[in-house]
Amino acid sequence: MPNSAPHPDTPGGDGTERAAAAATCAAPQATDLRPFMAAFPSGVTVVTALDTGGLPRGMTCSSMTSVALDPPTLVVCLRTASPTLQALLEQGQFAVNLLHEQARATSDLFASGAPDRFDRVGWRLPLGASGPHLTSSAHAIADCTVVKTAAFGDHTAVFAQARRVSVHPTIRPLLYGLRRYAEWSAAASGPPPAALPLPPRPAPAEGAARVRS
């Protein structure tokens, strides 16, 4: 009679190993969200703030969107371990710089973590600013006050109320998607989409009253 392994539920059965193997097979695999988000092109922002010592801090951030118009509120998602996040939480305020289409180098610089990044770009701190304004790289800037934060995983969402905004309407934004940059001028140079035909008006139901004009 051939040898056979004992049933895991019987004395001497290796139920522990079988249960461990089943748990391993059932464990969900972590989903890599990066390809999905790369397929969602967006503008490019640099979030800036001053730390308690008055030193400028900043990082490139592609996770930014509006939350409400009244009060004017937006949210940025920053890496929790970032010194920029620490600075804006300490000060309770920050600036959002929307980069123009010629500012690819600035985006790469503030994504690199280079300690001398503010020595390599033009910026200033106007009266009442919530953080450094990247005057040579931004086409729009919002000065914001922190309202609420929510930490999740390795990032922290910062909800903030925009106190004032400045926009240069003739300067075009920088775009980023599929791990590549694009210029708004080039993206908008194609023809506008064709107007969609209006759906046919439904016929009146049988027996319905007709209104004469």
Protein backbone atom coordinates (compact mmCIF):
# COMPACT_ATOMS: atom_id res chain seq x y z
CA MET A 1 0.00 0.00 0.00
CA PRO A 2 1.54 3.34 -0.95
CA ASN A 3 2.41 5.82 1.75
CA SER A 4 0.03 8.76 2.09
CA ALA A 5 0.23 11.98 4.08
CA PRO A 6 -2.13 12.16 7.09
CA HIS A 7 -5.13 14.45 6.80
CA PRO A 8 -4.33 17.85 8.39
CA ASP A 9 -7.33 17.50 10.69
CA THR A 10 -6.20 14.16 12.11
CA PRO A 11 -3.64 13.75 14.90
CA GLY A 12 -0.19 14.02 13.42
CA GLY A 13 -1.46 15.96 10.40
CA ASP A 14 0.50 19.06 9.43
CA GLY A 15 -2.48 21.44 9.80
CA THR A 16 -0.29 24.38 10.79
CA GLU A 17 1.71 24.34 7.56
CA ARG A 18 -1.42 23.83 5.47
CA ALA A 19 -3.15 26.76 7.17
CA ALA A 20 -0.10 28.97 6.67
CA ALA A 21 0.05 28.09 2.98
CA ALA A 22 -3.65 28.83 2.56
CA ALA A 23 -3.25 32.21 4.28
CA THR A 24 -0.35 33.06 1.98
CA CYS A 25 -2.39 32.24 -1.11
CA ALA A 26 -5.33 34.27 0.15
CA ALA A 27 -3.28 37.37 1.05
CA PRO A 28 -4.12 40.23 -1.34
CA GLN A 29 -1.30 41.55 -3.48
CA ALA A 30 -0.47 45.24 -3.05
CA THR A 31 -1.64 47.24 -6.07
CA ASP A 32 0.85 49.59 -7.69
CA LEU A 33 -1.18 52.76 -8.19
CA ARG A 34 1.56 54.61 -10.07
CA PRO A 35 0.71 53.44 -13.62
CA PHE A 36 -2.92 54.41 -13.08
CA MET A 37 -2.06 57.90 -11.84
CA ALA A 38 0.53 58.34 -14.60
CA ALA A 39 -2.33 57.89 -17.05
CA PHE A 40 -4.07 60.94 -15.55
CA PRO A 41 -2.21 64.03 -16.88
CA SER A 42 -2.25 67.12 -14.69
CA GLY A 43 -0.54 70.41 -14.10
CA VAL A 44 2.68 70.62 -12.10
CA THR A 45 2.90 72.43 -8.78
CA VAL A 46 5.63 73.25 -6.29
CA VAL A 47 4.50 73.67 -2.70
CA THR A 48 6.67 76.09 -0.69
CA ALA A 49 6.86 77.17 2.94
CA LEU A 50 9.26 78.67 5.47
CA ASP A 51 10.44 76.61 8.43
CA THR A 52 10.67 77.95 11.97
CA GLY A 53 14.20 79.16 11.27
CA GLY A 54 13.06 81.16 8.23
CA LEU A 55 14.64 78.78 5.70
CA PRO A 56 12.67 78.14 2.49
CA ARG A 57 11.36 74.64 1.90
CA GLY A 58 9.69 73.27 -1.21
CA MET A 59 8.82 70.16 -3.16
CA THR A 60 7.21 69.23 -6.47
CA CYS A 61 3.66 68.02 -5.99
CA SER A 62 1.33 66.61 -8.65
CA SER A 63 -1.44 65.76 -6.17
CA MET A 64 -3.37 69.02 -5.88
CA THR A 65 -7.01 69.80 -6.51
CA SER A 66 -9.79 72.13 -5.44
CA VAL A 67 -12.21 71.03 -2.74
CA ALA A 68 -14.71 73.90 -2.51
CA LEU A 69 -15.26 77.35 -3.95
CA ASP A 70 -16.92 78.75 -0.84
CA PRO A 71 -14.82 78.87 1.21
CA PRO A 72 -12.07 78.65 -1.44
CA THR A 73 -10.36 75.42 -0.39
CA LEU A 74 -7.83 73.11 -1.99
CA VAL A 75 -5.97 69.98 -0.93
CA VAL A 76 -2.37 68.94 -1.53
CA CYS A 77 -0.97 65.50 -0.74
CA LEU A 78 2.63 65.51 0.46
CA ARG A 79 5.02 62.81 1.57
CA THR A 80 4.67 62.55 5.34
CA ALA A 81 8.44 62.47 5.92
CA SER A 82 9.01 65.61 3.83
CA PRO A 83 10.67 68.63 5.52
CA THR A 84 8.33 70.80 3.43
CA LEU A 85 5.30 69.22 5.10
CA GLN A 86 6.88 69.70 8.52
CA ALA A 87 7.53 73.37 7.77
CA LEU A 88 4.02 74.17 6.57
CA LEU A 89 2.47 72.36 9.53
CA GLU A 90 4.64 74.35 11.92
CA GLN A 91 3.78 77.65 10.27
CA GLY A 92 0.17 76.80 9.38
CA GLN A 93 0.54 78.23 5.89
CA PHE A 94 2.17 77.64 2.50
CA ALA A 95 2.14 78.71 -1.14
CA VAL A 96 1.17 76.68 -4.19
CA ASN A 97 3.14 77.58 -7.34
CA LEU A 98 1.69 76.37 -10.64
CA LEU A 99 4.60 75.96 -13.04
CA HIS A 100 4.55 77.39 -16.55
CA GLU A 101 5.43 75.36 -19.64
CA GLN A 102 9.09 76.46 -19.69
CA ALA A 103 9.72 75.41 -16.07
CA ARG A 104 10.53 71.72 -16.50
CA ALA A 105 13.93 72.22 -14.89
CA THR A 106 12.28 73.71 -11.80
CA SER A 107 9.96 70.71 -11.52
CA ASP A 108 12.90 68.30 -11.70
CA LEU A 109 14.93 70.41 -9.27
CA PHE A 110 12.26 70.45 -6.57
CA ALA A 111 11.63 66.74 -7.05
CA SER A 112 15.33 65.94 -6.63
CA GLY A 113 15.73 66.91 -2.99
CA ALA A 114 18.77 69.08 -3.83
CA PRO A 115 19.60 71.15 -0.73
CA ASP A 116 20.49 74.23 -2.82
CA ARG A 117 17.27 74.26 -4.87
CA PHE A 118 16.30 77.78 -3.78
CA ASP A 119 19.74 79.07 -4.81
CA ARG A 120 19.07 77.89 -8.36
CA VAL A 121 15.68 79.50 -9.05
CA GLY A 122 14.26 82.99 -8.86
CA TRP A 123 11.95 83.53 -5.92
CA ARG A 124 10.76 86.20 -3.51
CA LEU A 125 8.64 86.57 -0.42
CA PRO A 126 6.14 89.41 -0.95
CA LEU A 127 4.46 91.06 2.00
CA GLY A 128 1.73 88.76 3.29
CA ALA A 129 2.91 85.74 1.31
CA SER A 130 2.33 82.32 2.87
CA GLY A 131 5.49 80.88 1.35
CA PRO A 132 8.16 81.60 -1.27
CA HIS A 133 6.82 82.67 -4.67
CA LEU A 134 8.75 81.08 -7.56
CA THR A 135 8.44 84.18 -9.69
CA SER A 136 10.60 82.90 -12.56
CA SER A 137 8.83 79.54 -12.84
CA ALA A 138 5.17 79.98 -11.89
CA HIS A 139 2.25 81.30 -13.93
CA ALA A 140 -0.17 81.22 -10.96
CA ILE A 141 0.34 81.29 -7.19
CA ALA A 142 -2.03 80.73 -4.28
CA ASP A 143 -1.25 81.75 -0.70
CA CYS A 144 -2.94 79.30 1.63
CA THR A 145 -3.73 78.74 5.30
CA VAL A 146 -3.87 75.21 6.67
CA VAL A 147 -7.36 74.18 7.79
CA LYS A 148 -7.12 70.43 8.35
CA THR A 149 -4.79 67.49 7.75
CA ALA A 150 -5.36 63.77 7.31
CA ALA A 151 -2.50 61.26 7.31
CA PHE A 152 -2.93 58.07 5.32
CA GLY A 153 -0.19 55.61 4.48
CA ASP A 154 3.01 57.39 3.50
CA HIS A 155 1.33 60.70 2.59
CA THR A 156 -0.59 63.45 4.35
CA ALA A 157 -3.47 65.35 2.81
CA VAL A 158 -3.42 69.04 3.71
CA PHE A 159 -6.67 70.96 3.31
CA ALA A 160 -6.11 74.69 3.07
CA GLN A 161 -8.04 77.87 2.40
CA ALA A 162 -6.67 80.11 -0.32
CA ARG A 163 -6.35 83.66 1.01
CA ARG A 164 -5.27 85.23 -2.27
CA VAL A 165 -4.31 84.12 -5.76
CA SER A 166 -2.39 85.68 -8.62
CA VAL A 167 -2.63 84.45 -12.21
CA HIS A 168 -0.84 85.47 -15.41
CA PRO A 169 -3.47 84.57 -18.04
CA THR A 170 -1.10 84.90 -21.01
CA ILE A 171 1.43 82.37 -19.67
CA ARG A 172 0.62 78.70 -20.33
CA PRO A 173 0.91 75.83 -17.83
CA LEU A 174 3.25 72.85 -17.78
CA LEU A 175 1.61 69.42 -18.01
CA TYR A 176 2.80 66.02 -16.79
CA GLY A 177 1.52 62.54 -17.55
CA LEU A 178 2.77 59.08 -18.58
CA ARG A 179 6.07 60.12 -16.97
CA ARG A 180 6.57 62.84 -19.58
CA TYR A 181 6.18 66.61 -19.71
CA ALA A 182 4.04 68.42 -22.25
CA GLU A 183 3.40 72.06 -23.04
CA TRP A 184 -0.12 73.40 -22.94
CA SER A 185 0.54 75.38 -26.12
CA ALA A 186 1.29 72.17 -28.02
CA ALA A 187 -1.55 70.21 -26.42
CA ALA A 188 -4.06 72.95 -27.24
CA SER A 189 -2.88 73.47 -30.82
CA GLY A 190 -5.13 70.74 -32.22
CA PRO A 191 -8.67 71.39 -33.44
CA PRO A 192 -11.41 71.59 -30.82
CA PRO A 193 -13.57 68.50 -30.40
CA ALA A 194 -16.53 68.23 -32.73
CA ALA A 195 -19.85 69.24 -31.26
CA LEU A 196 -21.85 66.21 -30.19
CA PRO A 197 -25.26 65.87 -31.85
CA LEU A 198 -28.23 66.52 -29.64
CA PRO A 199 -30.24 63.40 -28.77
CA PRO A 200 -33.61 63.15 -30.51
CA ARG A 201 -36.52 64.56 -28.56
CA PRO A 202 -38.71 61.70 -27.29
CA ALA A 203 -42.14 61.39 -28.85
CA PRO A 204 -45.06 62.26 -26.57
CA ALA A 205 -46.64 59.34 -24.83
CA GLU A 206 -49.84 57.97 -26.34
CA GLY A 207 -52.80 59.93 -25.06
CA ALA A 208 -50.66 62.78 -23.79
CA ALA A 209 -52.02 66.28 -24.25
CA ARG A 210 -50.36 68.33 -26.96
CA VAL A 211 -49.61 71.97 -26.28
CA ARG A 212 -50.09 74.30 -29.19
CA SER A 213 -47.79 77.26 -29.56
